[in-house]
């Protein structure tokens, strides 16, 4: 049985509340609050056995340009894989997807992950908790305050 942990590097941007301006009608003035949204950005680091030649015997397939994707039990981890941000009840708030995975071809050692960046825009602010899930790999819950600091996500095990 493979042990795996999941963590996400998540950055929260655009987290501010503002008013769009005033509306004056019949001598009264009212402020109209703009809907605020968050942008959740981060990356998933996939770790495991490397397959440089496409034999299907690894966890990560890497080409000569340093592009990578999951293989075997991780074959769902690839560019376009769905990233879901949800509220505390599990209701989907916004969707994003993984960008192409990159492997640092200049790195040395055996524990170099395949890293997939992602950005999810239009996430409604004001939730008590947010869930972040990539494919079916388990939802990680965060408070808005926790998402204000980077959170690291990793899937797989070191060699």
N, C-alpha and C. Protein backbone atom coordinates (compact mmCIF):
# COMPACT_ATOMS: atom_id res chain seq x y z
N UNK A 1 0.84 -1.18 0.00
CA UNK A 1 0.00 0.00 0.00
C UNK A 1 0.88 1.24 0.00
N UNK A 2 0.60 2.15 -0.84
CA UNK A 2 1.39 3.37 -1.00
C UNK A 2 0.91 4.40 0.01
N UNK A 3 1.85 4.96 0.73
CA UNK A 3 1.51 6.06 1.64
C UNK A 3 1.58 7.35 0.85
N UNK A 4 0.61 8.20 1.03
CA UNK A 4 0.64 9.47 0.33
C UNK A 4 0.02 10.53 1.20
N UNK A 5 0.55 11.69 1.03
CA UNK A 5 0.02 12.84 1.74
C UNK A 5 -0.33 13.89 0.71
N UNK A 6 -1.20 14.74 1.09
CA UNK A 6 -1.57 15.78 0.16
C UNK A 6 -1.44 17.12 0.85
N UNK A 7 -0.91 18.04 0.16
CA UNK A 7 -0.79 19.41 0.66
C UNK A 7 -0.84 20.32 -0.55
N UNK A 8 -1.19 21.56 -0.47
CA UNK A 8 -1.28 22.52 -1.59
C UNK A 8 -0.53 23.78 -1.23
N UNK A 9 0.26 24.28 -2.18
CA UNK A 9 0.82 25.60 -1.99
C UNK A 9 -0.26 26.54 -2.49
N UNK A 10 -0.86 27.23 -1.59
CA UNK A 10 -1.98 28.07 -1.96
C UNK A 10 -1.72 29.49 -1.51
N UNK A 11 -1.86 30.40 -2.44
CA UNK A 11 -1.71 31.81 -2.13
C UNK A 11 -3.05 32.46 -2.37
N UNK A 12 -3.40 33.38 -1.53
CA UNK A 12 -4.67 34.06 -1.64
C UNK A 12 -4.41 35.47 -2.10
N UNK A 13 -4.99 35.84 -3.23
CA UNK A 13 -4.78 37.18 -3.77
C UNK A 13 -6.11 37.84 -3.99
N UNK A 14 -6.10 39.13 -4.05
CA UNK A 14 -7.32 39.88 -4.33
C UNK A 14 -8.33 39.81 -3.21
N UNK A 15 -7.87 39.67 -1.99
CA UNK A 15 -8.76 39.52 -0.85
C UNK A 15 -9.00 40.88 -0.21
N UNK A 16 -9.90 41.64 -0.79
CA UNK A 16 -10.19 42.93 -0.20
C UNK A 16 -11.65 43.25 -0.41
N UNK A 17 -12.13 44.09 0.42
CA UNK A 17 -13.52 44.49 0.37
C UNK A 17 -13.53 45.95 -0.02
N UNK A 18 -14.43 46.31 -0.89
CA UNK A 18 -14.46 47.70 -1.32
C UNK A 18 -15.88 48.07 -1.71
N UNK A 19 -16.07 49.33 -1.90
CA UNK A 19 -17.35 49.79 -2.42
C UNK A 19 -17.11 50.33 -3.81
N UNK A 20 -18.10 50.17 -4.65
CA UNK A 20 -17.92 50.60 -6.03
C UNK A 20 -18.21 52.07 -6.20
N UNK A 21 -18.81 52.67 -5.19
CA UNK A 21 -19.10 54.09 -5.32
C UNK A 21 -20.43 54.41 -4.68
N UNK A 22 -20.91 55.58 -4.93
CA UNK A 22 -22.16 56.03 -4.34
C UNK A 22 -23.19 56.16 -5.42
N UNK A 23 -24.38 56.02 -4.99
CA UNK A 23 -25.52 56.22 -5.87
C UNK A 23 -26.37 57.29 -5.21
N UNK A 24 -26.66 58.32 -5.94
CA UNK A 24 -27.47 59.40 -5.39
C UNK A 24 -28.80 59.41 -6.10
N UNK A 25 -29.86 59.37 -5.31
CA UNK A 25 -31.20 59.39 -5.88
C UNK A 25 -32.09 60.20 -4.96
N UNK A 26 -32.64 61.26 -5.45
CA UNK A 26 -33.55 62.08 -4.66
C UNK A 26 -32.90 62.68 -3.44
N UNK A 27 -31.64 63.05 -3.53
CA UNK A 27 -30.96 63.71 -2.44
C UNK A 27 -30.35 62.76 -1.43
N UNK A 28 -30.55 61.43 -1.55
CA UNK A 28 -29.92 60.51 -0.59
C UNK A 28 -28.74 59.83 -1.27
N UNK A 29 -27.81 59.41 -0.46
CA UNK A 29 -26.62 58.78 -0.98
C UNK A 29 -26.51 57.39 -0.38
N UNK A 30 -26.25 56.38 -1.20
CA UNK A 30 -26.11 55.01 -0.72
C UNK A 30 -24.86 54.40 -1.34
N UNK A 31 -24.13 53.66 -0.56
CA UNK A 31 -22.96 52.94 -1.08
C UNK A 31 -23.40 51.56 -1.52
N UNK A 32 -22.86 51.14 -2.62
CA UNK A 32 -23.16 49.81 -3.14
C UNK A 32 -21.88 48.99 -3.01
N UNK A 33 -21.97 47.90 -2.24
CA UNK A 33 -20.80 47.06 -2.03
C UNK A 33 -20.55 46.19 -3.25
N UNK A 34 -19.31 46.14 -3.67
CA UNK A 34 -18.94 45.29 -4.80
C UNK A 34 -18.79 43.86 -4.30
N UNK A 35 -19.23 42.90 -5.09
CA UNK A 35 -18.99 41.51 -4.68
C UNK A 35 -17.49 41.28 -4.68
N UNK A 36 -16.99 40.67 -3.63
CA UNK A 36 -15.55 40.41 -3.56
C UNK A 36 -15.29 38.95 -3.83
N UNK A 37 -14.24 38.72 -4.55
CA UNK A 37 -13.83 37.35 -4.85
C UNK A 37 -12.35 37.19 -4.55
N UNK A 38 -11.95 35.96 -4.41
CA UNK A 38 -10.57 35.61 -4.14
C UNK A 38 -10.00 34.88 -5.35
N UNK A 39 -8.72 34.94 -5.48
CA UNK A 39 -8.00 34.11 -6.43
C UNK A 39 -7.12 33.18 -5.62
N UNK A 40 -7.32 31.90 -5.78
CA UNK A 40 -6.52 30.90 -5.07
C UNK A 40 -5.50 30.36 -6.04
N UNK A 41 -4.23 30.56 -5.72
CA UNK A 41 -3.13 30.09 -6.58
C UNK A 41 -2.26 29.16 -5.79
N UNK A 42 -1.64 28.24 -6.45
CA UNK A 42 -0.74 27.33 -5.75
C UNK A 42 -0.13 26.32 -6.69
N UNK A 43 0.36 25.25 -6.11
CA UNK A 43 0.94 24.18 -6.92
C UNK A 43 0.84 22.86 -6.17
N UNK A 44 0.82 21.82 -6.94
CA UNK A 44 0.83 20.47 -6.40
C UNK A 44 2.17 19.84 -6.77
N UNK A 45 2.87 19.30 -5.78
CA UNK A 45 4.14 18.61 -6.03
C UNK A 45 3.87 17.11 -6.00
N UNK A 46 4.05 16.43 -7.14
CA UNK A 46 3.90 14.98 -7.23
C UNK A 46 5.27 14.35 -7.06
N UNK A 47 5.36 13.42 -6.12
CA UNK A 47 6.63 12.74 -5.84
C UNK A 47 6.47 11.24 -6.08
N UNK A 48 7.52 10.60 -6.54
CA UNK A 48 7.47 9.16 -6.75
C UNK A 48 8.58 8.69 -7.67
N UNK A 49 8.44 7.46 -8.13
CA UNK A 49 9.44 6.87 -9.04
C UNK A 49 9.36 7.56 -10.40
N UNK A 50 10.50 7.85 -10.96
CA UNK A 50 10.59 8.57 -12.23
C UNK A 50 10.70 7.58 -13.39
N UNK A 51 9.97 7.84 -14.48
CA UNK A 51 10.05 7.06 -15.71
C UNK A 51 10.43 8.04 -16.82
N UNK A 52 11.68 7.99 -17.27
CA UNK A 52 12.15 8.90 -18.32
C UNK A 52 11.85 8.39 -19.72
N UNK A 53 11.54 7.11 -19.86
CA UNK A 53 11.40 6.57 -21.21
C UNK A 53 10.02 6.02 -21.52
N UNK A 54 9.06 6.18 -20.65
CA UNK A 54 7.70 5.78 -20.93
C UNK A 54 7.43 4.29 -20.85
N UNK A 55 8.09 3.61 -19.93
CA UNK A 55 7.87 2.17 -19.77
C UNK A 55 6.59 1.86 -19.00
N UNK A 56 6.04 2.86 -18.30
CA UNK A 56 4.85 2.62 -17.48
C UNK A 56 5.18 2.05 -16.12
N UNK A 57 6.46 2.01 -15.77
CA UNK A 57 6.88 1.43 -14.50
C UNK A 57 7.15 2.46 -13.42
N UNK A 58 6.73 3.69 -13.63
CA UNK A 58 7.00 4.72 -12.64
C UNK A 58 5.72 5.38 -12.15
N UNK A 59 5.89 6.40 -11.34
CA UNK A 59 4.77 7.21 -10.85
C UNK A 59 4.69 8.52 -11.62
N UNK A 60 5.84 8.94 -12.19
CA UNK A 60 5.94 10.21 -12.90
C UNK A 60 6.63 9.97 -14.23
N UNK A 61 5.98 10.38 -15.32
CA UNK A 61 6.56 10.28 -16.65
C UNK A 61 7.13 11.64 -17.01
N UNK A 62 8.41 11.67 -17.42
CA UNK A 62 9.09 12.93 -17.75
C UNK A 62 9.65 12.84 -19.16
N UNK A 63 9.43 13.91 -19.95
CA UNK A 63 10.01 13.93 -21.30
C UNK A 63 11.31 14.73 -21.30
N UNK A 64 11.97 14.80 -22.44
CA UNK A 64 13.27 15.46 -22.55
C UNK A 64 13.22 16.95 -22.27
N UNK A 65 12.07 17.58 -22.42
CA UNK A 65 11.93 19.01 -22.17
C UNK A 65 11.62 19.33 -20.70
N UNK A 66 11.47 18.31 -19.88
CA UNK A 66 11.17 18.53 -18.47
C UNK A 66 9.68 18.57 -18.16
N UNK A 67 8.84 18.32 -19.17
CA UNK A 67 7.40 18.23 -18.92
C UNK A 67 7.13 16.91 -18.22
N UNK A 68 6.17 16.91 -17.31
CA UNK A 68 5.90 15.68 -16.59
C UNK A 68 4.41 15.54 -16.30
N UNK A 69 4.03 14.32 -15.98
CA UNK A 69 2.66 14.02 -15.59
C UNK A 69 2.67 12.74 -14.78
N UNK A 70 1.58 12.52 -14.05
CA UNK A 70 1.47 11.30 -13.27
C UNK A 70 1.32 10.09 -14.17
N UNK A 71 1.72 8.94 -13.64
CA UNK A 71 1.67 7.69 -14.37
C UNK A 71 1.23 6.61 -13.38
N UNK A 72 0.75 5.49 -13.88
CA UNK A 72 0.32 4.41 -13.00
C UNK A 72 -0.84 4.88 -12.12
N UNK A 73 -0.70 4.72 -10.83
CA UNK A 73 -1.74 5.13 -9.88
C UNK A 73 -1.95 6.62 -9.79
N UNK A 74 -1.08 7.39 -10.42
CA UNK A 74 -1.20 8.85 -10.43
C UNK A 74 -1.55 9.38 -11.83
N UNK A 75 -2.09 8.53 -12.71
CA UNK A 75 -2.32 8.95 -14.09
C UNK A 75 -3.38 10.04 -14.23
N UNK A 76 -4.11 10.34 -13.17
CA UNK A 76 -5.07 11.44 -13.21
C UNK A 76 -4.43 12.80 -12.92
N UNK A 77 -3.18 12.79 -12.49
CA UNK A 77 -2.48 14.03 -12.17
C UNK A 77 -1.71 14.47 -13.41
N UNK A 78 -2.31 15.43 -14.12
CA UNK A 78 -1.74 15.91 -15.38
C UNK A 78 -2.35 17.27 -15.69
N UNK A 79 -1.83 17.93 -16.70
CA UNK A 79 -2.38 19.22 -17.13
C UNK A 79 -3.87 19.06 -17.40
N UNK A 80 -4.66 19.99 -16.90
CA UNK A 80 -6.10 19.94 -17.10
C UNK A 80 -6.87 19.26 -15.99
N UNK A 81 -6.18 18.57 -15.07
CA UNK A 81 -6.87 17.93 -13.95
C UNK A 81 -7.62 19.00 -13.15
N UNK A 82 -8.81 18.66 -12.70
CA UNK A 82 -9.68 19.64 -12.06
C UNK A 82 -9.24 19.99 -10.64
N UNK A 83 -9.29 21.28 -10.33
CA UNK A 83 -9.06 21.80 -8.99
C UNK A 83 -10.38 22.42 -8.54
N UNK A 84 -10.92 21.96 -7.42
CA UNK A 84 -12.21 22.43 -6.92
C UNK A 84 -11.99 23.18 -5.62
N UNK A 85 -12.56 24.38 -5.53
CA UNK A 85 -12.60 25.12 -4.27
C UNK A 85 -14.05 25.10 -3.82
N UNK A 86 -14.29 24.66 -2.57
CA UNK A 86 -15.64 24.52 -2.06
C UNK A 86 -15.79 25.25 -0.73
N UNK A 87 -17.05 25.35 -0.26
CA UNK A 87 -17.30 25.95 1.05
C UNK A 87 -17.32 24.84 2.11
N UNK A 88 -17.61 25.20 3.36
CA UNK A 88 -17.57 24.25 4.46
C UNK A 88 -18.57 23.10 4.28
N UNK A 89 -19.67 23.35 3.58
CA UNK A 89 -20.67 22.30 3.37
C UNK A 89 -20.34 21.40 2.18
N UNK A 90 -19.30 21.75 1.43
CA UNK A 90 -18.91 20.97 0.26
C UNK A 90 -19.44 21.51 -1.05
N UNK A 91 -20.20 22.60 -1.01
CA UNK A 91 -20.72 23.22 -2.23
C UNK A 91 -19.56 23.80 -3.03
N UNK A 92 -19.53 23.48 -4.31
CA UNK A 92 -18.47 24.00 -5.18
C UNK A 92 -18.64 25.50 -5.36
N UNK A 93 -17.56 26.24 -5.09
CA UNK A 93 -17.55 27.69 -5.25
C UNK A 93 -16.91 28.11 -6.55
N UNK A 94 -15.86 27.41 -6.97
CA UNK A 94 -15.14 27.77 -8.19
C UNK A 94 -14.30 26.58 -8.64
N UNK A 95 -14.00 26.56 -9.93
CA UNK A 95 -13.20 25.49 -10.53
C UNK A 95 -11.98 26.06 -11.23
N UNK A 96 -10.93 25.31 -11.21
CA UNK A 96 -9.72 25.63 -11.95
C UNK A 96 -9.13 24.32 -12.46
N UNK A 97 -7.93 24.40 -12.99
CA UNK A 97 -7.27 23.18 -13.47
C UNK A 97 -5.77 23.30 -13.31
N UNK A 98 -5.12 22.14 -13.26
CA UNK A 98 -3.67 22.12 -13.18
C UNK A 98 -3.07 22.56 -14.51
N UNK A 99 -2.04 23.37 -14.45
CA UNK A 99 -1.25 23.72 -15.62
C UNK A 99 -0.30 22.55 -15.89
N UNK A 100 0.39 22.54 -17.02
CA UNK A 100 1.33 21.45 -17.29
C UNK A 100 2.38 21.31 -16.19
N UNK A 101 2.69 20.06 -15.87
CA UNK A 101 3.70 19.78 -14.85
C UNK A 101 5.10 20.01 -15.39
N UNK A 102 5.96 20.49 -14.52
CA UNK A 102 7.35 20.73 -14.89
C UNK A 102 8.28 20.04 -13.89
N UNK A 103 9.32 19.46 -14.41
CA UNK A 103 10.35 18.78 -13.64
C UNK A 103 11.63 19.55 -13.87
N UNK A 104 12.33 19.88 -12.81
CA UNK A 104 13.57 20.65 -12.93
C UNK A 104 14.68 19.75 -13.48
N UNK A 105 14.95 19.87 -14.77
CA UNK A 105 15.95 19.01 -15.42
C UNK A 105 17.37 19.32 -14.96
N UNK A 106 17.60 20.44 -14.30
CA UNK A 106 18.93 20.78 -13.79
C UNK A 106 19.13 20.34 -12.35
N UNK A 107 18.09 19.88 -11.69
CA UNK A 107 18.18 19.49 -10.30
C UNK A 107 18.91 18.15 -10.18
N UNK A 108 19.48 17.93 -9.03
CA UNK A 108 20.16 16.66 -8.77
C UNK A 108 19.49 16.00 -7.57
N UNK A 109 19.70 14.72 -7.43
CA UNK A 109 19.11 13.98 -6.34
C UNK A 109 17.97 13.11 -6.84
N UNK A 110 17.36 12.38 -5.92
CA UNK A 110 16.30 11.45 -6.32
C UNK A 110 14.91 11.92 -5.91
N UNK A 111 14.81 12.97 -5.12
CA UNK A 111 13.51 13.42 -4.64
C UNK A 111 13.15 14.78 -5.23
N UNK A 112 12.98 14.82 -6.54
CA UNK A 112 12.66 16.07 -7.23
C UNK A 112 11.23 15.91 -7.77
N UNK A 113 10.30 16.71 -7.28
CA UNK A 113 8.91 16.50 -7.69
C UNK A 113 8.58 17.05 -9.07
N UNK A 114 7.48 16.57 -9.59
CA UNK A 114 6.84 17.13 -10.77
C UNK A 114 5.85 18.16 -10.21
N UNK A 115 6.01 19.41 -10.58
CA UNK A 115 5.23 20.49 -9.99
C UNK A 115 4.19 21.02 -10.97
N UNK A 116 2.94 21.07 -10.51
CA UNK A 116 1.82 21.53 -11.31
C UNK A 116 1.24 22.81 -10.71
N UNK A 117 1.44 23.96 -11.33
CA UNK A 117 0.81 25.18 -10.82
C UNK A 117 -0.68 25.20 -11.15
N UNK A 118 -1.44 25.97 -10.38
CA UNK A 118 -2.85 26.19 -10.69
C UNK A 118 -3.30 27.53 -10.15
N UNK A 119 -4.36 28.05 -10.75
CA UNK A 119 -5.02 29.27 -10.29
C UNK A 119 -6.52 29.06 -10.41
N UNK A 120 -7.23 29.38 -9.35
CA UNK A 120 -8.69 29.32 -9.36
C UNK A 120 -9.19 30.74 -9.08
N UNK A 121 -9.87 31.33 -10.05
CA UNK A 121 -10.36 32.70 -9.90
C UNK A 121 -11.85 32.69 -9.58
N UNK A 122 -12.33 33.83 -9.09
CA UNK A 122 -13.75 33.99 -8.84
C UNK A 122 -14.27 33.25 -7.63
N UNK A 123 -13.42 32.98 -6.65
CA UNK A 123 -13.85 32.29 -5.43
C UNK A 123 -14.53 33.32 -4.52
N UNK A 124 -15.81 33.14 -4.18
CA UNK A 124 -16.48 34.12 -3.31
C UNK A 124 -15.80 34.22 -1.95
N UNK A 125 -15.61 35.44 -1.49
CA UNK A 125 -15.00 35.65 -0.17
C UNK A 125 -16.07 35.51 0.90
N UNK A 126 -15.65 35.56 2.16
CA UNK A 126 -16.59 35.56 3.28
C UNK A 126 -16.96 34.20 3.81
N UNK A 127 -16.32 33.14 3.36
CA UNK A 127 -16.62 31.80 3.87
C UNK A 127 -15.83 31.55 5.15
N UNK A 128 -16.39 30.73 6.05
CA UNK A 128 -15.66 30.39 7.27
C UNK A 128 -14.55 29.37 6.97
N UNK A 129 -14.80 28.47 6.05
CA UNK A 129 -13.81 27.48 5.65
C UNK A 129 -13.86 27.31 4.14
N UNK A 130 -12.72 26.95 3.57
CA UNK A 130 -12.62 26.66 2.15
C UNK A 130 -11.99 25.27 2.00
N UNK A 131 -12.50 24.49 1.07
CA UNK A 131 -11.89 23.21 0.75
C UNK A 131 -11.20 23.32 -0.59
N UNK A 132 -10.04 22.69 -0.71
CA UNK A 132 -9.31 22.63 -1.98
C UNK A 132 -9.07 21.16 -2.28
N UNK A 133 -9.52 20.73 -3.46
CA UNK A 133 -9.36 19.32 -3.84
C UNK A 133 -8.91 19.23 -5.28
N UNK A 134 -7.94 18.35 -5.53
CA UNK A 134 -7.45 18.10 -6.88
C UNK A 134 -7.87 16.69 -7.25
N UNK A 135 -8.70 16.61 -8.31
CA UNK A 135 -9.29 15.34 -8.74
C UNK A 135 -9.98 14.69 -7.53
N UNK A 136 -9.76 13.43 -7.28
CA UNK A 136 -10.41 12.71 -6.18
C UNK A 136 -9.44 12.49 -5.01
N UNK A 137 -8.43 13.31 -4.91
CA UNK A 137 -7.33 13.05 -3.98
C UNK A 137 -7.55 13.54 -2.55
N UNK A 138 -8.76 13.93 -2.22
CA UNK A 138 -9.05 14.34 -0.85
C UNK A 138 -9.06 15.84 -0.70
N UNK A 139 -10.10 16.30 -0.03
CA UNK A 139 -10.26 17.75 0.18
C UNK A 139 -9.48 18.17 1.41
N UNK A 140 -8.73 19.24 1.27
CA UNK A 140 -8.03 19.86 2.39
C UNK A 140 -8.79 21.12 2.76
N UNK A 141 -9.10 21.28 4.05
CA UNK A 141 -9.90 22.42 4.49
C UNK A 141 -8.98 23.49 5.10
N UNK A 142 -9.29 24.75 4.81
CA UNK A 142 -8.53 25.89 5.30
C UNK A 142 -9.47 27.01 5.70
N UNK A 143 -9.07 27.77 6.70
CA UNK A 143 -9.78 29.01 6.99
C UNK A 143 -9.25 30.06 6.03
N UNK A 144 -9.99 31.15 5.90
CA UNK A 144 -9.51 32.24 5.04
C UNK A 144 -8.17 32.75 5.56
N UNK A 145 -8.02 32.80 6.89
CA UNK A 145 -6.75 33.26 7.47
C UNK A 145 -5.61 32.32 7.10
N UNK A 146 -5.85 31.01 7.10
CA UNK A 146 -4.81 30.06 6.71
C UNK A 146 -4.44 30.21 5.25
N UNK A 147 -5.41 30.52 4.41
CA UNK A 147 -5.13 30.68 2.99
C UNK A 147 -4.39 31.97 2.68
N UNK A 148 -4.34 32.87 3.66
CA UNK A 148 -3.58 34.10 3.47
C UNK A 148 -2.08 33.83 3.48
N UNK A 149 -1.67 32.69 4.02
CA UNK A 149 -0.26 32.28 4.03
C UNK A 149 -0.10 31.07 3.11
N UNK A 150 1.09 30.89 2.54
CA UNK A 150 1.29 29.73 1.67
C UNK A 150 1.04 28.41 2.40
N UNK A 151 0.36 27.50 1.75
CA UNK A 151 0.12 26.15 2.25
C UNK A 151 0.73 25.19 1.24
N UNK A 152 1.47 24.21 1.68
CA UNK A 152 2.17 23.30 0.77
C UNK A 152 1.38 22.02 0.57
N UNK A 153 1.19 21.62 -0.68
CA UNK A 153 0.50 20.36 -1.01
C UNK A 153 1.43 19.41 -1.74
N UNK A 154 1.47 18.17 -1.28
CA UNK A 154 2.31 17.15 -1.90
C UNK A 154 1.52 15.87 -2.03
N UNK A 155 1.71 15.18 -3.13
CA UNK A 155 1.07 13.89 -3.36
C UNK A 155 2.17 12.90 -3.71
N UNK A 156 2.11 11.71 -3.11
CA UNK A 156 3.09 10.68 -3.39
C UNK A 156 4.14 10.60 -2.30
N UNK A 157 5.14 9.79 -2.54
CA UNK A 157 6.21 9.58 -1.57
C UNK A 157 7.56 9.79 -2.23
N UNK A 158 8.52 10.15 -1.41
CA UNK A 158 9.90 10.32 -1.91
C UNK A 158 10.46 8.94 -2.24
N UNK A 159 11.38 8.92 -3.18
CA UNK A 159 12.04 7.65 -3.55
C UNK A 159 12.92 7.16 -2.45
